[in-house]
Amino acid sequence: MIVTIIIAAVATICVLGAGGALTEIGPWYHSLRSPPWRPPNWAFGPVWSTIGVLTCIAAVLIWRASPTPWDKTVTLGLFAINAVFNILWSLFFFKLKRPDWALIEVAFLWLSVLALILDFYPRSPLAAALLVPYLIWVSIASVLNRAMVRLNGPFMGRADRGLVKGQS
C-alpha cells in the first residue's frame, strides 16, 4: 500500500508541477481584462493543492478497489489522459498565450475529470466523490476562461509575443 501512495503522490506532484511551471503570471497576464468575480491570484495555489491531495487519495482508493488488471489499466489510462489535458491547458493559456485555444481544450479537461468520476463510482463512490471538487473547479475555470476570451480576444500567435490584439 505504501508503494501505491508514493506513486500516486509523485504522479500528482509531477502533474501539478508541470502545470505550475507553465504558468507564467507576468505582464501579459496582468494586462488581460478579467471579470469582477475572478478569484484572487492567491486562491489558485491552495485550491490546486487541495485538488491534488483529493486526487491522490482518490487514486489510492480506486487502485485498491480495482479487482482486475484491466480495471487498473483503464484507471491508469484515464489518469494519464487527464494529466495531459491538465498540463495542456496551462501550456495553451499561459505559455502560448492563447486563452482561445485553452477554452477549446478545457472542454476535454472537463470531460476527462467526468470520465474519472464515472469510472470510479461503481468501484468506489468515495473515490468518485473526492474528484467532484476538481470537476467544480474546472467548471469555474471554464467559465472564467470563456469570460477572459470574450473580454480580450481575438488572440494572435507567438510571433506577436502573445499580446492581446490592439495592445502594445
N, C-alpha and C. Protein backbone atom coordinates (compact mmCIF):
# COMPACT_ATOMS: atom_id res chain seq x y z
N MET A 1 0.83 -1.20 0.00
CA MET A 1 0.00 0.00 0.00
C MET A 1 0.86 1.26 0.00
N ILE A 2 1.98 1.24 0.71
CA ILE A 2 2.83 2.42 0.77
C ILE A 2 3.39 2.77 -0.61
N VAL A 3 3.66 1.75 -1.42
CA VAL A 3 4.16 1.99 -2.78
C VAL A 3 3.09 2.70 -3.61
N THR A 4 1.84 2.28 -3.47
CA THR A 4 0.73 2.91 -4.18
C THR A 4 0.61 4.38 -3.79
N ILE A 5 0.72 4.66 -2.52
CA ILE A 5 0.63 6.05 -2.03
C ILE A 5 1.78 6.88 -2.60
N ILE A 6 2.98 6.34 -2.59
CA ILE A 6 4.14 7.08 -3.10
C ILE A 6 3.99 7.35 -4.58
N ILE A 7 3.59 6.34 -5.34
CA ILE A 7 3.41 6.53 -6.79
C ILE A 7 2.34 7.57 -7.07
N ALA A 8 1.22 7.49 -6.37
CA ALA A 8 0.13 8.47 -6.57
C ALA A 8 0.60 9.88 -6.20
N ALA A 9 1.33 10.00 -5.12
CA ALA A 9 1.82 11.32 -4.69
C ALA A 9 2.82 11.89 -5.69
N VAL A 10 3.75 11.07 -6.15
CA VAL A 10 4.75 11.55 -7.12
C VAL A 10 4.08 11.95 -8.43
N ALA A 11 3.13 11.14 -8.90
CA ALA A 11 2.42 11.46 -10.14
C ALA A 11 1.65 12.77 -10.00
N THR A 12 0.98 12.95 -8.86
CA THR A 12 0.22 14.18 -8.63
C THR A 12 1.15 15.39 -8.59
N ILE A 13 2.26 15.27 -7.89
CA ILE A 13 3.23 16.37 -7.81
C ILE A 13 3.79 16.70 -9.18
N CYS A 14 4.06 15.68 -9.97
CA CYS A 14 4.60 15.92 -11.33
C CYS A 14 3.60 16.66 -12.21
N VAL A 15 2.34 16.25 -12.17
CA VAL A 15 1.32 16.90 -12.99
C VAL A 15 1.11 18.35 -12.54
N LEU A 16 0.94 18.55 -11.24
CA LEU A 16 0.74 19.91 -10.74
C LEU A 16 1.99 20.75 -10.95
N GLY A 17 3.16 20.14 -10.79
CA GLY A 17 4.41 20.87 -11.01
C GLY A 17 4.58 21.29 -12.46
N ALA A 18 4.23 20.40 -13.39
CA ALA A 18 4.33 20.76 -14.81
C ALA A 18 3.38 21.90 -15.15
N GLY A 19 2.15 21.81 -14.66
CA GLY A 19 1.20 22.89 -14.90
C GLY A 19 1.68 24.19 -14.28
N GLY A 20 2.22 24.10 -13.08
CA GLY A 20 2.74 25.29 -12.41
C GLY A 20 3.93 25.89 -13.14
N ALA A 21 4.80 25.03 -13.67
CA ALA A 21 5.97 25.52 -14.40
C ALA A 21 5.57 26.25 -15.68
N LEU A 22 4.45 25.86 -16.26
CA LEU A 22 3.98 26.51 -17.49
C LEU A 22 3.18 27.78 -17.21
N THR A 23 2.84 28.00 -15.96
CA THR A 23 2.02 29.15 -15.60
C THR A 23 2.90 30.37 -15.36
N GLU A 24 2.86 31.27 -16.31
CA GLU A 24 3.65 32.50 -16.22
C GLU A 24 2.71 33.67 -15.92
N ILE A 25 2.77 34.14 -14.70
CA ILE A 25 1.98 35.29 -14.30
C ILE A 25 2.90 36.51 -14.45
N GLY A 26 2.75 37.18 -15.55
CA GLY A 26 3.63 38.31 -15.83
C GLY A 26 2.83 39.44 -16.47
N PRO A 27 3.54 40.34 -17.15
CA PRO A 27 2.87 41.50 -17.75
C PRO A 27 1.72 41.12 -18.69
N TRP A 28 1.92 40.08 -19.50
CA TRP A 28 0.84 39.69 -20.42
C TRP A 28 -0.41 39.32 -19.64
N TYR A 29 -0.27 38.46 -18.65
CA TYR A 29 -1.42 38.02 -17.87
C TYR A 29 -2.07 39.20 -17.15
N HIS A 30 -1.25 40.04 -16.57
CA HIS A 30 -1.79 41.19 -15.83
C HIS A 30 -2.46 42.20 -16.75
N SER A 31 -2.12 42.18 -18.05
CA SER A 31 -2.76 43.11 -18.99
C SER A 31 -4.15 42.64 -19.41
N LEU A 32 -4.47 41.39 -19.14
CA LEU A 32 -5.78 40.86 -19.53
C LEU A 32 -6.89 41.46 -18.66
N ARG A 33 -8.00 41.75 -19.31
CA ARG A 33 -9.18 42.16 -18.56
C ARG A 33 -9.84 40.89 -18.01
N SER A 34 -10.27 40.96 -16.76
CA SER A 34 -10.89 39.82 -16.09
C SER A 34 -12.27 40.22 -15.60
N PRO A 35 -13.17 39.25 -15.48
CA PRO A 35 -14.47 39.58 -14.90
C PRO A 35 -14.29 39.91 -13.41
N PRO A 36 -15.18 40.69 -12.85
CA PRO A 36 -15.02 41.09 -11.44
C PRO A 36 -15.09 39.92 -10.46
N TRP A 37 -15.64 38.82 -10.86
CA TRP A 37 -15.80 37.67 -9.97
C TRP A 37 -14.60 36.72 -10.02
N ARG A 38 -13.57 37.04 -10.78
CA ARG A 38 -12.39 36.16 -10.87
C ARG A 38 -11.79 35.98 -9.49
N PRO A 39 -11.48 34.73 -9.12
CA PRO A 39 -10.85 34.52 -7.81
C PRO A 39 -9.50 35.26 -7.74
N PRO A 40 -9.09 35.68 -6.56
CA PRO A 40 -7.79 36.35 -6.44
C PRO A 40 -6.66 35.37 -6.75
N ASN A 41 -5.56 35.89 -7.24
CA ASN A 41 -4.42 35.04 -7.63
C ASN A 41 -3.96 34.13 -6.49
N TRP A 42 -4.01 34.61 -5.25
CA TRP A 42 -3.52 33.82 -4.13
C TRP A 42 -4.37 32.56 -3.91
N ALA A 43 -5.61 32.53 -4.41
CA ALA A 43 -6.51 31.40 -4.17
C ALA A 43 -6.15 30.18 -5.01
N PHE A 44 -5.48 30.39 -6.14
CA PHE A 44 -5.25 29.28 -7.06
C PHE A 44 -4.32 28.22 -6.47
N GLY A 45 -3.29 28.62 -5.77
CA GLY A 45 -2.36 27.66 -5.15
C GLY A 45 -3.04 26.74 -4.15
N PRO A 46 -3.75 27.31 -3.16
CA PRO A 46 -4.44 26.44 -2.20
C PRO A 46 -5.51 25.55 -2.83
N VAL A 47 -6.22 26.09 -3.82
CA VAL A 47 -7.25 25.27 -4.47
C VAL A 47 -6.61 24.09 -5.20
N TRP A 48 -5.56 24.37 -5.99
CA TRP A 48 -4.91 23.27 -6.72
C TRP A 48 -4.23 22.29 -5.77
N SER A 49 -3.70 22.78 -4.67
CA SER A 49 -3.09 21.87 -3.68
C SER A 49 -4.15 20.94 -3.09
N THR A 50 -5.30 21.49 -2.77
CA THR A 50 -6.40 20.68 -2.23
C THR A 50 -6.86 19.66 -3.26
N ILE A 51 -7.03 20.10 -4.51
CA ILE A 51 -7.44 19.18 -5.57
C ILE A 51 -6.40 18.08 -5.73
N GLY A 52 -5.13 18.44 -5.65
CA GLY A 52 -4.07 17.45 -5.76
C GLY A 52 -4.14 16.40 -4.66
N VAL A 53 -4.34 16.84 -3.43
CA VAL A 53 -4.45 15.90 -2.31
C VAL A 53 -5.66 14.99 -2.48
N LEU A 54 -6.80 15.57 -2.84
CA LEU A 54 -8.01 14.77 -3.02
C LEU A 54 -7.85 13.77 -4.17
N THR A 55 -7.21 14.21 -5.25
CA THR A 55 -6.98 13.32 -6.39
C THR A 55 -6.04 12.18 -6.01
N CYS A 56 -5.03 12.49 -5.25
CA CYS A 56 -4.08 11.47 -4.79
C CYS A 56 -4.79 10.43 -3.92
N ILE A 57 -5.60 10.89 -3.00
CA ILE A 57 -6.36 9.96 -2.15
C ILE A 57 -7.31 9.12 -2.99
N ALA A 58 -7.98 9.76 -3.94
CA ALA A 58 -8.90 9.03 -4.83
C ALA A 58 -8.15 7.97 -5.62
N ALA A 59 -6.95 8.30 -6.08
CA ALA A 59 -6.15 7.35 -6.85
C ALA A 59 -5.80 6.11 -6.02
N VAL A 60 -5.42 6.34 -4.79
CA VAL A 60 -5.08 5.22 -3.91
C VAL A 60 -6.33 4.37 -3.64
N LEU A 61 -7.44 5.02 -3.35
CA LEU A 61 -8.67 4.28 -3.07
C LEU A 61 -9.11 3.46 -4.28
N ILE A 62 -9.06 4.06 -5.47
CA ILE A 62 -9.54 3.34 -6.65
C ILE A 62 -8.59 2.22 -7.03
N TRP A 63 -7.31 2.42 -6.81
CA TRP A 63 -6.35 1.36 -7.10
C TRP A 63 -6.64 0.14 -6.23
N ARG A 64 -6.90 0.40 -4.97
CA ARG A 64 -7.20 -0.70 -4.03
C ARG A 64 -8.54 -1.35 -4.34
N ALA A 65 -9.47 -0.57 -4.91
CA ALA A 65 -10.81 -1.09 -5.21
C ALA A 65 -10.89 -1.74 -6.59
N SER A 66 -9.80 -1.72 -7.33
CA SER A 66 -9.80 -2.29 -8.69
C SER A 66 -9.40 -3.76 -8.62
N PRO A 67 -10.36 -4.65 -8.89
CA PRO A 67 -10.10 -6.07 -8.69
C PRO A 67 -9.29 -6.76 -9.80
N THR A 68 -9.25 -6.16 -10.98
CA THR A 68 -8.58 -6.84 -12.09
C THR A 68 -7.50 -5.95 -12.70
N PRO A 69 -6.56 -6.57 -13.38
CA PRO A 69 -5.55 -5.78 -14.09
C PRO A 69 -6.20 -4.84 -15.13
N TRP A 70 -7.28 -5.29 -15.76
CA TRP A 70 -7.96 -4.44 -16.73
C TRP A 70 -8.50 -3.17 -16.07
N ASP A 71 -9.13 -3.31 -14.90
CA ASP A 71 -9.63 -2.14 -14.18
C ASP A 71 -8.50 -1.16 -13.88
N LYS A 72 -7.36 -1.68 -13.47
CA LYS A 72 -6.21 -0.84 -13.14
C LYS A 72 -5.66 -0.17 -14.40
N THR A 73 -5.65 -0.89 -15.51
CA THR A 73 -5.17 -0.32 -16.77
C THR A 73 -6.08 0.82 -17.22
N VAL A 74 -7.37 0.61 -17.14
CA VAL A 74 -8.32 1.67 -17.52
C VAL A 74 -8.12 2.89 -16.63
N THR A 75 -7.99 2.66 -15.34
CA THR A 75 -7.79 3.76 -14.40
C THR A 75 -6.51 4.53 -14.73
N LEU A 76 -5.42 3.82 -14.97
CA LEU A 76 -4.16 4.49 -15.32
C LEU A 76 -4.31 5.28 -16.62
N GLY A 77 -5.00 4.70 -17.58
CA GLY A 77 -5.21 5.40 -18.85
C GLY A 77 -6.02 6.67 -18.68
N LEU A 78 -7.07 6.60 -17.88
CA LEU A 78 -7.89 7.79 -17.64
C LEU A 78 -7.11 8.86 -16.89
N PHE A 79 -6.30 8.44 -15.92
CA PHE A 79 -5.46 9.42 -15.21
C PHE A 79 -4.43 10.04 -16.16
N ALA A 80 -3.86 9.24 -17.04
CA ALA A 80 -2.87 9.77 -17.99
C ALA A 80 -3.51 10.78 -18.94
N ILE A 81 -4.68 10.46 -19.44
CA ILE A 81 -5.39 11.40 -20.32
C ILE A 81 -5.69 12.69 -19.58
N ASN A 82 -6.17 12.56 -18.35
CA ASN A 82 -6.47 13.75 -17.55
C ASN A 82 -5.22 14.58 -17.31
N ALA A 83 -4.11 13.92 -17.02
CA ALA A 83 -2.85 14.64 -16.78
C ALA A 83 -2.43 15.44 -18.01
N VAL A 84 -2.54 14.82 -19.17
CA VAL A 84 -2.18 15.51 -20.41
C VAL A 84 -3.06 16.74 -20.61
N PHE A 85 -4.36 16.58 -20.45
CA PHE A 85 -5.26 17.73 -20.63
C PHE A 85 -5.02 18.81 -19.57
N ASN A 86 -4.71 18.40 -18.36
CA ASN A 86 -4.43 19.37 -17.30
C ASN A 86 -3.21 20.21 -17.67
N ILE A 87 -2.16 19.57 -18.11
CA ILE A 87 -0.93 20.28 -18.48
C ILE A 87 -1.13 21.11 -19.74
N LEU A 88 -1.85 20.57 -20.73
CA LEU A 88 -2.08 21.31 -21.98
C LEU A 88 -2.81 22.63 -21.74
N TRP A 89 -3.74 22.63 -20.79
CA TRP A 89 -4.47 23.87 -20.55
C TRP A 89 -3.50 24.99 -20.14
N SER A 90 -2.60 24.68 -19.21
CA SER A 90 -1.61 25.69 -18.79
C SER A 90 -0.69 26.08 -19.94
N LEU A 91 -0.31 25.11 -20.76
CA LEU A 91 0.53 25.40 -21.91
C LEU A 91 -0.17 26.38 -22.85
N PHE A 92 -1.41 26.09 -23.20
CA PHE A 92 -2.13 26.95 -24.13
C PHE A 92 -2.38 28.33 -23.54
N PHE A 93 -2.90 28.38 -22.32
CA PHE A 93 -3.30 29.66 -21.74
C PHE A 93 -2.10 30.53 -21.41
N PHE A 94 -1.14 30.00 -20.68
CA PHE A 94 -0.06 30.82 -20.15
C PHE A 94 1.18 30.85 -21.04
N LYS A 95 1.66 29.71 -21.44
CA LYS A 95 2.93 29.67 -22.18
C LYS A 95 2.75 30.17 -23.61
N LEU A 96 1.72 29.68 -24.30
CA LEU A 96 1.47 30.10 -25.67
C LEU A 96 0.61 31.37 -25.75
N LYS A 97 0.09 31.78 -24.60
CA LYS A 97 -0.74 32.99 -24.51
C LYS A 97 -1.94 32.92 -25.47
N ARG A 98 -2.58 31.76 -25.42
CA ARG A 98 -3.74 31.53 -26.29
C ARG A 98 -4.93 31.06 -25.45
N PRO A 99 -5.55 31.96 -24.71
CA PRO A 99 -6.74 31.59 -23.96
C PRO A 99 -7.85 31.02 -24.85
N ASP A 100 -7.89 31.43 -26.12
CA ASP A 100 -8.89 30.90 -27.03
C ASP A 100 -8.66 29.41 -27.27
N TRP A 101 -7.41 28.99 -27.43
CA TRP A 101 -7.13 27.56 -27.57
C TRP A 101 -7.41 26.83 -26.26
N ALA A 102 -7.06 27.47 -25.14
CA ALA A 102 -7.31 26.86 -23.83
C ALA A 102 -8.80 26.65 -23.61
N LEU A 103 -9.61 27.56 -24.14
CA LEU A 103 -11.06 27.44 -23.99
C LEU A 103 -11.58 26.19 -24.70
N ILE A 104 -11.04 25.89 -25.85
CA ILE A 104 -11.42 24.66 -26.55
C ILE A 104 -10.92 23.44 -25.76
N GLU A 105 -9.68 23.52 -25.32
CA GLU A 105 -9.06 22.39 -24.63
C GLU A 105 -9.72 22.10 -23.29
N VAL A 106 -10.20 23.12 -22.60
CA VAL A 106 -10.76 22.91 -21.26
C VAL A 106 -11.99 22.01 -21.30
N ALA A 107 -12.67 21.96 -22.43
CA ALA A 107 -13.80 21.04 -22.55
C ALA A 107 -13.32 19.59 -22.43
N PHE A 108 -12.16 19.30 -23.01
CA PHE A 108 -11.60 17.96 -22.92
C PHE A 108 -11.10 17.66 -21.50
N LEU A 109 -10.54 18.68 -20.85
CA LEU A 109 -10.12 18.51 -19.45
C LEU A 109 -11.34 18.18 -18.59
N TRP A 110 -12.41 18.94 -18.77
CA TRP A 110 -13.63 18.72 -18.00
C TRP A 110 -14.17 17.30 -18.23
N LEU A 111 -14.20 16.89 -19.51
CA LEU A 111 -14.69 15.54 -19.83
C LEU A 111 -13.80 14.46 -19.23
N SER A 112 -12.49 14.73 -19.16
CA SER A 112 -11.59 13.73 -18.58
C SER A 112 -11.81 13.58 -17.08
N VAL A 113 -12.14 14.66 -16.40
CA VAL A 113 -12.46 14.56 -14.96
C VAL A 113 -13.78 13.81 -14.78
N LEU A 114 -14.76 14.14 -15.61
CA LEU A 114 -16.04 13.44 -15.54
C LEU A 114 -15.86 11.94 -15.81
N ALA A 115 -15.02 11.60 -16.78
CA ALA A 115 -14.76 10.18 -17.09
C ALA A 115 -14.16 9.46 -15.88
N LEU A 116 -13.25 10.13 -15.18
CA LEU A 116 -12.68 9.53 -13.97
C LEU A 116 -13.77 9.27 -12.95
N ILE A 117 -14.62 10.26 -12.71
CA ILE A 117 -15.69 10.11 -11.72
C ILE A 117 -16.62 8.97 -12.09
N LEU A 118 -17.03 8.93 -13.35
CA LEU A 118 -17.95 7.87 -13.79
C LEU A 118 -17.31 6.49 -13.74
N ASP A 119 -16.02 6.42 -14.05
CA ASP A 119 -15.32 5.14 -13.97
C ASP A 119 -15.15 4.68 -12.52
N PHE A 120 -14.89 5.61 -11.63
CA PHE A 120 -14.62 5.27 -10.23
C PHE A 120 -15.89 4.88 -9.48
N TYR A 121 -17.00 5.51 -9.78
CA TYR A 121 -18.19 5.39 -8.95
C TYR A 121 -18.62 3.94 -8.65
N PRO A 122 -18.67 3.05 -9.65
CA PRO A 122 -19.11 1.68 -9.32
C PRO A 122 -18.16 0.94 -8.37
N ARG A 123 -16.88 1.26 -8.42
CA ARG A 123 -15.90 0.56 -7.58
C ARG A 123 -15.67 1.26 -6.25
N SER A 124 -15.74 2.60 -6.27
CA SER A 124 -15.50 3.35 -5.04
C SER A 124 -16.22 4.69 -5.11
N PRO A 125 -17.45 4.74 -4.61
CA PRO A 125 -18.16 6.02 -4.61
C PRO A 125 -17.39 7.12 -3.89
N LEU A 126 -16.63 6.77 -2.87
CA LEU A 126 -15.84 7.77 -2.15
C LEU A 126 -14.76 8.35 -3.06
N ALA A 127 -14.06 7.50 -3.80
CA ALA A 127 -13.03 7.99 -4.72
C ALA A 127 -13.66 8.91 -5.76
N ALA A 128 -14.83 8.54 -6.26
CA ALA A 128 -15.53 9.39 -7.22
C ALA A 128 -15.89 10.73 -6.59
N ALA A 129 -16.40 10.70 -5.38
CA ALA A 129 -16.81 11.93 -4.70
C ALA A 129 -15.62 12.87 -4.44
N LEU A 130 -14.47 12.29 -4.18
CA LEU A 130 -13.28 13.11 -3.93
C LEU A 130 -12.85 13.91 -5.16
N LEU A 131 -13.30 13.50 -6.33
CA LEU A 131 -12.97 14.23 -7.56
C LEU A 131 -14.00 15.30 -7.92
N VAL A 132 -15.11 15.35 -7.21
CA VAL A 132 -16.14 16.35 -7.52
C VAL A 132 -15.60 17.78 -7.36
N PRO A 133 -14.81 18.10 -6.33
CA PRO A 133 -14.26 19.47 -6.27
C PRO A 133 -13.39 19.81 -7.49
N TYR A 134 -12.68 18.84 -8.02
CA TYR A 134 -11.88 19.03 -9.23
C TYR A 134 -12.80 19.39 -10.40
N LEU A 135 -13.90 18.66 -10.54
CA LEU A 135 -14.85 18.94 -11.61
C LEU A 135 -15.46 20.34 -11.44
N ILE A 136 -15.79 20.69 -10.22
CA ILE A 136 -16.36 22.02 -9.95
C ILE A 136 -15.34 23.10 -10.30
N TRP A 137 -14.08 22.91 -9.90
CA TRP A 137 -13.05 23.91 -10.17
C TRP A 137 -12.81 24.07 -11.67
N VAL A 138 -12.77 22.95 -12.40
CA VAL A 138 -12.58 23.03 -13.84
C VAL A 138 -13.80 23.70 -14.49
N SER A 139 -14.98 23.49 -13.93
CA SER A 139 -16.18 24.17 -14.43
C SER A 139 -16.05 25.68 -14.25
N ILE A 140 -15.61 26.09 -13.06
CA ILE A 140 -15.41 27.52 -12.80
C ILE A 140 -14.33 28.07 -13.73
N ALA A 141 -13.24 27.32 -13.88
CA ALA A 141 -12.15 27.75 -14.76
C ALA A 141 -12.64 27.89 -16.20
N SER A 142 -13.53 27.00 -16.62
CA SER A 142 -14.06 27.07 -17.98
C SER A 142 -14.84 28.36 -18.20
N VAL A 143 -15.69 28.69 -17.25
CA VAL A 143 -16.49 29.92 -17.36
C VAL A 143 -15.57 31.15 -17.30
N LEU A 144 -14.58 31.11 -16.43
CA LEU A 144 -13.61 32.22 -16.34
C LEU A 144 -12.82 32.33 -17.64
N ASN A 145 -12.37 31.21 -18.17
CA ASN A 145 -11.63 31.20 -19.43
C ASN A 145 -12.48 31.82 -20.55
N ARG A 146 -13.75 31.44 -20.61
CA ARG A 146 -14.66 31.99 -21.63
C ARG A 146 -14.81 33.50 -21.46
N ALA A 147 -14.98 33.94 -20.23
CA ALA A 147 -15.13 35.37 -19.98
C ALA A 147 -13.88 36.13 -20.39
N MET A 148 -12.72 35.58 -20.12
CA MET A 148 -11.47 36.27 -20.48
C MET A 148 -11.28 36.31 -21.99
N VAL A 149 -11.70 35.27 -22.68
CA VAL A 149 -11.62 35.30 -24.14
C VAL A 149 -12.56 36.37 -24.68
N ARG A 150 -13.75 36.43 -24.15
CA ARG A 150 -14.72 37.44 -24.62
C ARG A 150 -14.26 38.85 -24.32
N LEU A 151 -13.63 39.05 -23.17
CA LEU A 151 -13.18 40.39 -22.79
C LEU A 151 -11.91 40.83 -23.51
N ASN A 152 -11.11 39.88 -24.01
CA ASN A 152 -9.78 40.21 -24.52
C ASN A 152 -9.49 39.79 -25.96
N GLY A 153 -10.27 38.89 -26.52
CA GLY A 153 -9.96 38.36 -27.85
C GLY A 153 -10.14 39.39 -28.93
N PRO A 154 -9.73 39.10 -30.13
CA PRO A 154 -9.08 37.86 -30.53
C PRO A 154 -7.60 37.85 -30.14
N PHE A 155 -7.06 36.66 -30.05
CA PHE A 155 -5.66 36.49 -29.68
C PHE A 155 -4.85 36.14 -30.91
N MET A 156 -3.60 36.56 -30.88
CA MET A 156 -2.71 36.31 -32.00
C MET A 156 -1.64 35.31 -31.59
N GLY A 157 -0.84 34.88 -32.54
CA GLY A 157 0.17 33.86 -32.28
C GLY A 157 1.40 34.39 -31.57
N ARG A 158 2.33 33.48 -31.29
CA ARG A 158 3.56 33.81 -30.58
C ARG A 158 4.42 34.81 -31.34
N ALA A 159 4.30 34.84 -32.68
CA ALA A 159 5.09 35.80 -33.46
C ALA A 159 4.78 37.22 -33.01
N ASP A 160 3.59 37.41 -32.48
CA ASP A 160 3.18 38.73 -31.99
C ASP A 160 3.37 38.83 -30.48
N ARG A 161 4.19 37.95 -29.92
CA ARG A 161 4.50 37.92 -28.49
C ARG A 161 3.28 37.64 -27.62
N GLY A 162 2.21 37.14 -28.24
CA GLY A 162 1.04 36.74 -27.48
C GLY A 162 0.29 37.89 -26.85
N LEU A 163 0.53 39.09 -27.31
CA LEU A 163 -0.18 40.22 -26.73
C LEU A 163 -1.61 40.25 -27.25
N VAL A 164 -2.49 40.79 -26.45
CA VAL A 164 -3.86 40.94 -26.85
C VAL A 164 -3.89 41.93 -28.01
N LYS A 165 -4.68 41.63 -29.02
CA LYS A 165 -4.77 42.49 -30.19
C LYS A 165 -5.13 43.91 -29.77
N GLY A 166 -4.38 44.85 -30.34
CA GLY A 166 -4.64 46.26 -30.06
C GLY A 166 -3.82 46.80 -28.90
N GLN A 167 -3.11 45.93 -28.17
CA GLN A 167 -2.27 46.40 -27.08
C GLN A 167 -0.83 46.34 -27.49
N SER A 168 -0.01 47.15 -26.85
CA SER A 168 1.42 47.10 -27.15
C SER A 168 2.20 46.67 -25.95
